[in-house]
Amino acid sequence: MSLLWPTNIKLEPTALARFGRVGHWFFAGTATLSAVAGVWDGWNQRASPDGYGPNYTGLWLGLMAGAGLWLAGRAFRYVFSGE
């Protein structure tokens, strides 16, 4: 579980640890927005009037970008704060 969420939180963090936490939350928020945008695009594509059928590329790009950003944020926190 430590890959997704830190398990050894520092009780008295330094400025660098705080920077790592802020970066982690920034990446986590961006990942959430990206995933929500991808799901929104996929939801809108299901009722596409296009003759070729729905195009779920935006859905998969949003979800993959969200997963990548979430892991980047986790790595950011690990590198800067050691958590």
PDB file of N, CA and C in Angstrom:
ATOM      1  N   MET A   1       0.826  -1.192   0.000  1.00  0.00           N
ATOM      2  CA  MET A   1       0.000   0.000   0.000  1.00  0.00           C
ATOM      3  C   MET A   1       0.868   1.253   0.000  1.00  0.00           C
ATOM      4  N   SER A   2       2.135   1.118   0.376  1.00  0.00           N
ATOM      5  CA  SER A   2       2.989   2.298   0.439  1.00  0.00           C
ATOM      6  C   SER A   2       3.269   2.876  -0.945  1.00  0.00           C
ATOM      7  N   LEU A   3       3.042   2.093  -2.011  1.00  0.00           N
ATOM      8  CA  LEU A   3       3.216   2.630  -3.357  1.00  0.00           C
ATOM      9  C   LEU A   3       2.174   3.698  -3.642  1.00  0.00           C
ATOM     10  N   LEU A   4       0.967   3.511  -3.131  1.00  0.00           N
ATOM     11  CA  LEU A   4      -0.097   4.471  -3.388  1.00  0.00           C
ATOM     12  C   LEU A   4      -0.206   5.543  -2.317  1.00  0.00           C
ATOM     13  N   TRP A   5       0.141   5.194  -1.090  1.00  0.00           N
ATOM     14  CA  TRP A   5      -0.015   6.157  -0.006  1.00  0.00           C
ATOM     15  C   TRP A   5       1.121   5.973   0.983  1.00  0.00           C
ATOM     16  N   PRO A   6       1.725   7.075   1.461  1.00  0.00           N
ATOM     17  CA  PRO A   6       2.855   6.940   2.385  1.00  0.00           C
ATOM     18  C   PRO A   6       2.432   6.336   3.719  1.00  0.00           C
ATOM     19  N   THR A   7       3.288   5.505   4.264  1.00  0.00           N
ATOM     20  CA  THR A   7       2.971   4.857   5.535  1.00  0.00           C
ATOM     21  C   THR A   7       3.816   5.392   6.685  1.00  0.00           C
ATOM     22  N   ASN A   8       4.964   5.984   6.390  1.00  0.00           N
ATOM     23  CA  ASN A   8       5.818   6.518   7.459  1.00  0.00           C
ATOM     24  C   ASN A   8       5.851   8.040   7.359  1.00  0.00           C
ATOM     25  N   ILE A   9       4.851   8.682   7.929  1.00  0.00           N
ATOM     26  CA  ILE A   9       4.721  10.136   7.893  1.00  0.00           C
ATOM     27  C   ILE A   9       5.672  10.761   8.908  1.00  0.00           C
ATOM     28  N   LYS A  10       6.399  11.795   8.488  1.00  0.00           N
ATOM     29  CA  LYS A  10       7.283  12.511   9.399  1.00  0.00           C
ATOM     30  C   LYS A  10       6.446  13.459  10.256  1.00  0.00           C
ATOM     31  N   LEU A  11       6.641  13.392  11.556  1.00  0.00           N
ATOM     32  CA  LEU A  11       5.849  14.221  12.456  1.00  0.00           C
ATOM     33  C   LEU A  11       6.289  15.677  12.445  1.00  0.00           C
ATOM     34  N   GLU A  12       7.573  15.926  12.235  1.00  0.00           N
ATOM     35  CA  GLU A  12       8.085  17.294  12.169  1.00  0.00           C
ATOM     36  C   GLU A  12       8.796  17.472  10.824  1.00  0.00           C
ATOM     37  N   PRO A  13       8.032  17.799   9.788  1.00  0.00           N
ATOM     38  CA  PRO A  13       8.631  17.849   8.449  1.00  0.00           C
ATOM     39  C   PRO A  13       9.483  19.104   8.236  1.00  0.00           C
ATOM     40  N   THR A  14      10.477  18.968   7.396  1.00  0.00           N
ATOM     41  CA  THR A  14      11.308  20.102   7.004  1.00  0.00           C
ATOM     42  C   THR A  14      10.614  20.838   5.853  1.00  0.00           C
ATOM     43  N   ALA A  15      11.222  21.922   5.415  1.00  0.00           N
ATOM     44  CA  ALA A  15      10.661  22.680   4.291  1.00  0.00           C
ATOM     45  C   ALA A  15      10.662  21.830   3.023  1.00  0.00           C
ATOM     46  N   LEU A  16      11.684  21.011   2.840  1.00  0.00           N
ATOM     47  CA  LEU A  16      11.751  20.154   1.666  1.00  0.00           C
ATOM     48  C   LEU A  16      10.661  19.081   1.704  1.00  0.00           C
ATOM     49  N   ALA A  17      10.387  18.558   2.886  1.00  0.00           N
ATOM     50  CA  ALA A  17       9.314  17.570   3.028  1.00  0.00           C
ATOM     51  C   ALA A  17       7.959  18.201   2.742  1.00  0.00           C
ATOM     52  N   ARG A  18       7.767  19.419   3.183  1.00  0.00           N
ATOM     53  CA  ARG A  18       6.509  20.116   2.887  1.00  0.00           C
ATOM     54  C   ARG A  18       6.370  20.372   1.395  1.00  0.00           C
ATOM     55  N   PHE A  19       7.473  20.724   0.747  1.00  0.00           N
ATOM     56  CA  PHE A  19       7.449  20.917  -0.705  1.00  0.00           C
ATOM     57  C   PHE A  19       7.054  19.615  -1.405  1.00  0.00           C
ATOM     58  N   GLY A  20       7.572  18.505  -0.929  1.00  0.00           N
ATOM     59  CA  GLY A  20       7.202  17.207  -1.492  1.00  0.00           C
ATOM     60  C   GLY A  20       5.733  16.898  -1.307  1.00  0.00           C
ATOM     61  N   ARG A  21       5.191  17.256  -0.153  1.00  0.00           N
ATOM     62  CA  ARG A  21       3.765  17.025   0.097  1.00  0.00           C
ATOM     63  C   ARG A  21       2.892  17.896  -0.790  1.00  0.00           C
ATOM     64  N   VAL A  22       3.274  19.165  -0.943  1.00  0.00           N
ATOM     65  CA  VAL A  22       2.491  20.063  -1.798  1.00  0.00           C
ATOM     66  C   VAL A  22       2.537  19.577  -3.244  1.00  0.00           C
ATOM     67  N   GLY A  23       3.708  19.161  -3.702  1.00  0.00           N
ATOM     68  CA  GLY A  23       3.817  18.611  -5.054  1.00  0.00           C
ATOM     69  C   GLY A  23       2.973  17.361  -5.231  1.00  0.00           C
ATOM     70  N   HIS A  24       2.967  16.515  -4.216  1.00  0.00           N
ATOM     71  CA  HIS A  24       2.155  15.296  -4.264  1.00  0.00           C
ATOM     72  C   HIS A  24       0.679  15.632  -4.406  1.00  0.00           C
ATOM     73  N   TRP A  25       0.203  16.592  -3.635  1.00  0.00           N
ATOM     74  CA  TRP A  25      -1.203  16.964  -3.720  1.00  0.00           C
ATOM     75  C   TRP A  25      -1.527  17.642  -5.044  1.00  0.00           C
ATOM     76  N   PHE A  26      -0.584  18.411  -5.582  1.00  0.00           N
ATOM     77  CA  PHE A  26      -0.800  19.023  -6.894  1.00  0.00           C
ATOM     78  C   PHE A  26      -0.958  17.951  -7.965  1.00  0.00           C
ATOM     79  N   PHE A  27      -0.047  16.977  -7.967  1.00  0.00           N
ATOM     80  CA  PHE A  27      -0.132  15.900  -8.946  1.00  0.00           C
ATOM     81  C   PHE A  27      -1.388  15.056  -8.734  1.00  0.00           C
ATOM     82  N   ALA A  28      -1.768  14.815  -7.493  1.00  0.00           N
ATOM     83  CA  ALA A  28      -2.971  14.033  -7.216  1.00  0.00           C
ATOM     84  C   ALA A  28      -4.218  14.761  -7.711  1.00  0.00           C
ATOM     85  N   GLY A  29      -4.278  16.075  -7.496  1.00  0.00           N
ATOM     86  CA  GLY A  29      -5.420  16.845  -7.995  1.00  0.00           C
ATOM     87  C   GLY A  29      -5.475  16.871  -9.507  1.00  0.00           C
ATOM     88  N   THR A  30      -4.319  17.040 -10.142  1.00  0.00           N
ATOM     89  CA  THR A  30      -4.264  17.034 -11.600  1.00  0.00           C
ATOM     90  C   THR A  30      -4.644  15.662 -12.151  1.00  0.00           C
ATOM     91  N   ALA A  31      -4.225  14.606 -11.477  1.00  0.00           N
ATOM     92  CA  ALA A  31      -4.579  13.252 -11.902  1.00  0.00           C
ATOM     93  C   ALA A  31      -6.085  13.031 -11.807  1.00  0.00           C
ATOM     94  N   THR A  32      -6.682  13.519 -10.738  1.00  0.00           N
ATOM     95  CA  THR A  32      -8.128  13.374 -10.571  1.00  0.00           C
ATOM     96  C   THR A  32      -8.881  14.126 -11.654  1.00  0.00           C
ATOM     97  N   LEU A  33      -8.466  15.355 -11.938  1.00  0.00           N
ATOM     98  CA  LEU A  33      -9.113  16.124 -12.999  1.00  0.00           C
ATOM     99  C   LEU A  33      -8.950  15.462 -14.357  1.00  0.00           C
ATOM    100  N   SER A  34      -7.786  14.909 -14.618  1.00  0.00           N
ATOM    101  CA  SER A  34      -7.545  14.230 -15.887  1.00  0.00           C
ATOM    102  C   SER A  34      -8.429  12.993 -16.033  1.00  0.00           C
ATOM    103  N   ALA A  35      -8.532  12.217 -14.970  1.00  0.00           N
ATOM    104  CA  ALA A  35      -9.372  11.020 -15.024  1.00  0.00           C
ATOM    105  C   ALA A  35     -10.844  11.391 -15.178  1.00  0.00           C
ATOM    106  N   VAL A  36     -11.297  12.425 -14.474  1.00  0.00           N
ATOM    107  CA  VAL A  36     -12.690  12.857 -14.598  1.00  0.00           C
ATOM    108  C   VAL A  36     -12.969  13.371 -16.005  1.00  0.00           C
ATOM    109  N   ALA A  37     -12.020  14.104 -16.588  1.00  0.00           N
ATOM    110  CA  ALA A  37     -12.196  14.588 -17.958  1.00  0.00           C
ATOM    111  C   ALA A  37     -12.271  13.422 -18.938  1.00  0.00           C
ATOM    112  N   GLY A  38     -11.463  12.395 -18.711  1.00  0.00           N
ATOM    113  CA  GLY A  38     -11.511  11.218 -19.580  1.00  0.00           C
ATOM    114  C   GLY A  38     -12.833  10.483 -19.473  1.00  0.00           C
ATOM    115  N   VAL A  39     -13.343  10.332 -18.265  1.00  0.00           N
ATOM    116  CA  VAL A  39     -14.637   9.664 -18.072  1.00  0.00           C
ATOM    117  C   VAL A  39     -15.754  10.501 -18.689  1.00  0.00           C
ATOM    118  N   TRP A  40     -15.657  11.811 -18.534  1.00  0.00           N
ATOM    119  CA  TRP A  40     -16.664  12.704 -19.141  1.00  0.00           C
ATOM    120  C   TRP A  40     -16.668  12.559 -20.658  1.00  0.00           C
ATOM    121  N   ASP A  41     -15.489  12.516 -21.254  1.00  0.00           N
ATOM    122  CA  ASP A  41     -15.394  12.339 -22.699  1.00  0.00           C
ATOM    123  C   ASP A  41     -15.949  10.978 -23.118  1.00  0.00           C
ATOM    124  N   GLY A  42     -15.625   9.944 -22.372  1.00  0.00           N
ATOM    125  CA  GLY A  42     -16.152   8.612 -22.691  1.00  0.00           C
ATOM    126  C   GLY A  42     -17.662   8.557 -22.563  1.00  0.00           C
ATOM    127  N   TRP A  43     -18.206   9.229 -21.559  1.00  0.00           N
ATOM    128  CA  TRP A  43     -19.651   9.267 -21.378  1.00  0.00           C
ATOM    129  C   TRP A  43     -20.323   9.977 -22.554  1.00  0.00           C
ATOM    130  N   ASN A  44     -19.717  11.056 -23.011  1.00  0.00           N
ATOM    131  CA  ASN A  44     -20.283  11.782 -24.137  1.00  0.00           C
ATOM    132  C   ASN A  44     -20.115  11.035 -25.451  1.00  0.00           C
ATOM    133  N   GLN A  45     -19.116  10.212 -25.573  1.00  0.00           N
ATOM    134  CA  GLN A  45     -18.879   9.475 -26.819  1.00  0.00           C
ATOM    135  C   GLN A  45     -19.841   8.297 -26.997  1.00  0.00           C
ATOM    136  N   ARG A  46     -20.404   7.811 -25.918  1.00  0.00           N
ATOM    137  CA  ARG A  46     -21.274   6.631 -26.036  1.00  0.00           C
ATOM    138  C   ARG A  46     -22.515   6.930 -26.851  1.00  0.00           C
ATOM    139  N   ALA A  47     -22.966   8.173 -26.866  1.00  0.00           N
ATOM    140  CA  ALA A  47     -24.156   8.556 -27.626  1.00  0.00           C
ATOM    141  C   ALA A  47     -23.763   9.371 -28.854  1.00  0.00           C
ATOM    142  N   SER A  48     -22.605   9.051 -29.420  1.00  0.00           N
ATOM    143  CA  SER A  48     -22.087   9.803 -30.555  1.00  0.00           C
ATOM    144  C   SER A  48     -22.948   9.571 -31.799  1.00  0.00           C
ATOM    145  N   PRO A  49     -23.342  10.643 -32.486  1.00  0.00           N
ATOM    146  CA  PRO A  49     -24.122  10.472 -33.703  1.00  0.00           C
ATOM    147  C   PRO A  49     -23.265  10.066 -34.895  1.00  0.00           C
ATOM    148  N   ASP A  50     -21.985   9.897 -34.677  1.00  0.00           N
ATOM    149  CA  ASP A  50     -21.062   9.514 -35.749  1.00  0.00           C
ATOM    150  C   ASP A  50     -21.423   8.126 -36.272  1.00  0.00           C
ATOM    151  N   GLY A  51     -21.316   7.933 -37.557  1.00  0.00           N
ATOM    152  CA  GLY A  51     -21.638   6.645 -38.160  1.00  0.00           C
ATOM    153  C   GLY A  51     -20.629   5.559 -37.861  1.00  0.00           C
ATOM    154  N   TYR A  52     -19.477   5.931 -37.347  1.00  0.00           N
ATOM    155  CA  TYR A  52     -18.432   4.961 -37.054  1.00  0.00           C
ATOM    156  C   TYR A  52     -18.526   4.387 -35.651  1.00  0.00           C
ATOM    157  N   GLY A  53     -19.403   4.904 -34.841  1.00  0.00           N
ATOM    158  CA  GLY A  53     -19.539   4.437 -33.465  1.00  0.00           C
ATOM    159  C   GLY A  53     -18.721   5.294 -32.518  1.00  0.00           C
ATOM    160  N   PRO A  54     -18.777   4.991 -31.231  1.00  0.00           N
ATOM    161  CA  PRO A  54     -18.080   5.816 -30.235  1.00  0.00           C
ATOM    162  C   PRO A  54     -16.563   5.683 -30.336  1.00  0.00           C
ATOM    163  N   ASN A  55     -15.885   6.765 -30.047  1.00  0.00           N
ATOM    164  CA  ASN A  55     -14.426   6.792 -30.022  1.00  0.00           C
ATOM    165  C   ASN A  55     -13.994   7.030 -28.574  1.00  0.00           C
ATOM    166  N   TYR A  56     -13.473   6.006 -27.949  1.00  0.00           N
ATOM    167  CA  TYR A  56     -13.122   6.076 -26.535  1.00  0.00           C
ATOM    168  C   TYR A  56     -11.650   6.425 -26.306  1.00  0.00           C
ATOM    169  N   THR A  57     -11.013   7.026 -27.282  1.00  0.00           N
ATOM    170  CA  THR A  57      -9.607   7.395 -27.131  1.00  0.00           C
ATOM    171  C   THR A  57      -9.427   8.399 -26.001  1.00  0.00           C
ATOM    172  N   GLY A  58     -10.298   9.386 -25.912  1.00  0.00           N
ATOM    173  CA  GLY A  58     -10.200  10.386 -24.849  1.00  0.00           C
ATOM    174  C   GLY A  58     -10.361   9.770 -23.471  1.00  0.00           C
ATOM    175  N   LEU A  59     -11.232   8.786 -23.377  1.00  0.00           N
ATOM    176  CA  LEU A  59     -11.422   8.094 -22.102  1.00  0.00           C
ATOM    177  C   LEU A  59     -10.132   7.422 -21.656  1.00  0.00           C
ATOM    178  N   TRP A  60      -9.525   6.656 -22.550  1.00  0.00           N
ATOM    179  CA  TRP A  60      -8.316   5.927 -22.189  1.00  0.00           C
ATOM    180  C   TRP A  60      -7.135   6.856 -21.964  1.00  0.00           C
ATOM    181  N   LEU A  61      -7.042   7.913 -22.757  1.00  0.00           N
ATOM    182  CA  LEU A  61      -5.967   8.876 -22.533  1.00  0.00           C
ATOM    183  C   LEU A  61      -6.117   9.568 -21.183  1.00  0.00           C
ATOM    184  N   GLY A  62      -7.341   9.935 -20.835  1.00  0.00           N
ATOM    185  CA  GLY A  62      -7.573  10.581 -19.545  1.00  0.00           C
ATOM    186  C   GLY A  62      -7.260   9.664 -18.378  1.00  0.00           C
ATOM    187  N   LEU A  63      -7.665   8.412 -18.478  1.00  0.00           N
ATOM    188  CA  LEU A  63      -7.408   7.467 -17.387  1.00  0.00           C
ATOM    189  C   LEU A  63      -5.919   7.132 -17.274  1.00  0.00           C
ATOM    190  N   MET A  64      -5.248   6.958 -18.404  1.00  0.00           N
ATOM    191  CA  MET A  64      -3.818   6.653 -18.372  1.00  0.00           C
ATOM    192  C   MET A  64      -3.016   7.859 -17.876  1.00  0.00           C
ATOM    193  N   ALA A  65      -3.398   9.065 -18.303  1.00  0.00           N
ATOM    194  CA  ALA A  65      -2.724  10.261 -17.824  1.00  0.00           C
ATOM    195  C   ALA A  65      -2.959  10.430 -16.325  1.00  0.00           C
ATOM    196  N   GLY A  66      -4.168  10.145 -15.873  1.00  0.00           N
ATOM    197  CA  GLY A  66      -4.462  10.227 -14.444  1.00  0.00           C
ATOM    198  C   GLY A  66      -3.620   9.266 -13.633  1.00  0.00           C
ATOM    199  N   ALA A  67      -3.491   8.035 -14.117  1.00  0.00           N
ATOM    200  CA  ALA A  67      -2.668   7.052 -13.401  1.00  0.00           C
ATOM    201  C   ALA A  67      -1.199   7.468 -13.393  1.00  0.00           C
ATOM    202  N   GLY A  68      -0.714   7.956 -14.521  1.00  0.00           N
ATOM    203  CA  GLY A  68       0.675   8.397 -14.598  1.00  0.00           C
ATOM    204  C   GLY A  68       0.953   9.593 -13.707  1.00  0.00           C
ATOM    205  N   LEU A  69       0.033  10.545 -13.684  1.00  0.00           N
ATOM    206  CA  LEU A  69       0.213  11.718 -12.827  1.00  0.00           C
ATOM    207  C   LEU A  69       0.145  11.349 -11.350  1.00  0.00           C
ATOM    208  N   TRP A  70      -0.721  10.419 -11.015  1.00  0.00           N
ATOM    209  CA  TRP A  70      -0.811   9.992  -9.614  1.00  0.00           C
ATOM    210  C   TRP A  70       0.511   9.362  -9.167  1.00  0.00           C
ATOM    211  N   LEU A  71       1.083   8.498 -10.005  1.00  0.00           N
ATOM    212  CA  LEU A  71       2.350   7.868  -9.646  1.00  0.00           C
ATOM    213  C   LEU A  71       3.494   8.877  -9.653  1.00  0.00           C
ATOM    214  N   ALA A  72       3.433   9.862 -10.546  1.00  0.00           N
ATOM    215  CA  ALA A  72       4.450  10.917 -10.545  1.00  0.00           C
ATOM    216  C   ALA A  72       4.381  11.718  -9.258  1.00  0.00           C
ATOM    217  N   GLY A  73       3.188  11.992  -8.796  1.00  0.00           N
ATOM    218  CA  GLY A  73       3.040  12.698  -7.525  1.00  0.00           C
ATOM    219  C   GLY A  73       3.559  11.893  -6.359  1.00  0.00           C
ATOM    220  N   ARG A  74       3.324  10.605  -6.412  1.00  0.00           N
ATOM    221  CA  ARG A  74       3.828   9.731  -5.344  1.00  0.00           C
ATOM    222  C   ARG A  74       5.345   9.708  -5.346  1.00  0.00           C
ATOM    223  N   ALA A  75       5.934   9.656  -6.540  1.00  0.00           N
ATOM    224  CA  ALA A  75       7.390   9.687  -6.649  1.00  0.00           C
ATOM    225  C   ALA A  75       7.939  11.030  -6.189  1.00  0.00           C
ATOM    226  N   PHE A  76       7.240  12.110  -6.522  1.00  0.00           N
ATOM    227  CA  PHE A  76       7.646  13.449  -6.096  1.00  0.00           C
ATOM    228  C   PHE A  76       7.713  13.523  -4.581  1.00  0.00           C
ATOM    229  N   ARG A  77       6.703  12.984  -3.928  1.00  0.00           N
ATOM    230  CA  ARG A  77       6.690  13.002  -2.467  1.00  0.00           C
ATOM    231  C   ARG A  77       7.785  12.132  -1.885  1.00  0.00           C
ATOM    232  N   TYR A  78       8.020  10.987  -2.492  1.00  0.00           N
ATOM    233  CA  TYR A  78       9.058  10.101  -1.999  1.00  0.00           C
ATOM    234  C   TYR A  78      10.436  10.737  -2.120  1.00  0.00           C
ATOM    235  N   VAL A  79      10.701  11.382  -3.252  1.00  0.00           N
ATOM    236  CA  VAL A  79      12.022  11.965  -3.481  1.00  0.00           C
ATOM    237  C   VAL A  79      12.270  13.146  -2.554  1.00  0.00           C
ATOM    238  N   PHE A  80      11.282  14.034  -2.429  1.00  0.00           N
ATOM    239  CA  PHE A  80      11.514  15.267  -1.670  1.00  0.00           C
ATOM    240  C   PHE A  80      11.287  15.130  -0.178  1.00  0.00           C
ATOM    241  N   SER A  81      10.339  14.307   0.234  1.00  0.00           N
ATOM    242  CA  SER A  81      10.074  14.223   1.665  1.00  0.00           C
ATOM    243  C   SER A  81      10.484  12.885   2.281  1.00  0.00           C
ATOM    244  N   GLY A  82      10.797  11.914   1.462  1.00  0.00           N
ATOM    245  CA  GLY A  82      11.209  10.627   1.983  1.00  0.00           C
ATOM    246  C   GLY A  82      10.086   9.834   2.621  1.00  0.00           C
ATOM    247  N   GLU A  83       8.860  10.175   2.286  1.00  0.00           N
ATOM    248  CA  GLU A  83       7.709   9.468   2.872  1.00  0.00           C
ATOM    249  C   GLU A  83       7.149   8.486   1.876  1.00  0.00           C
TER     250      GLU A  83
END
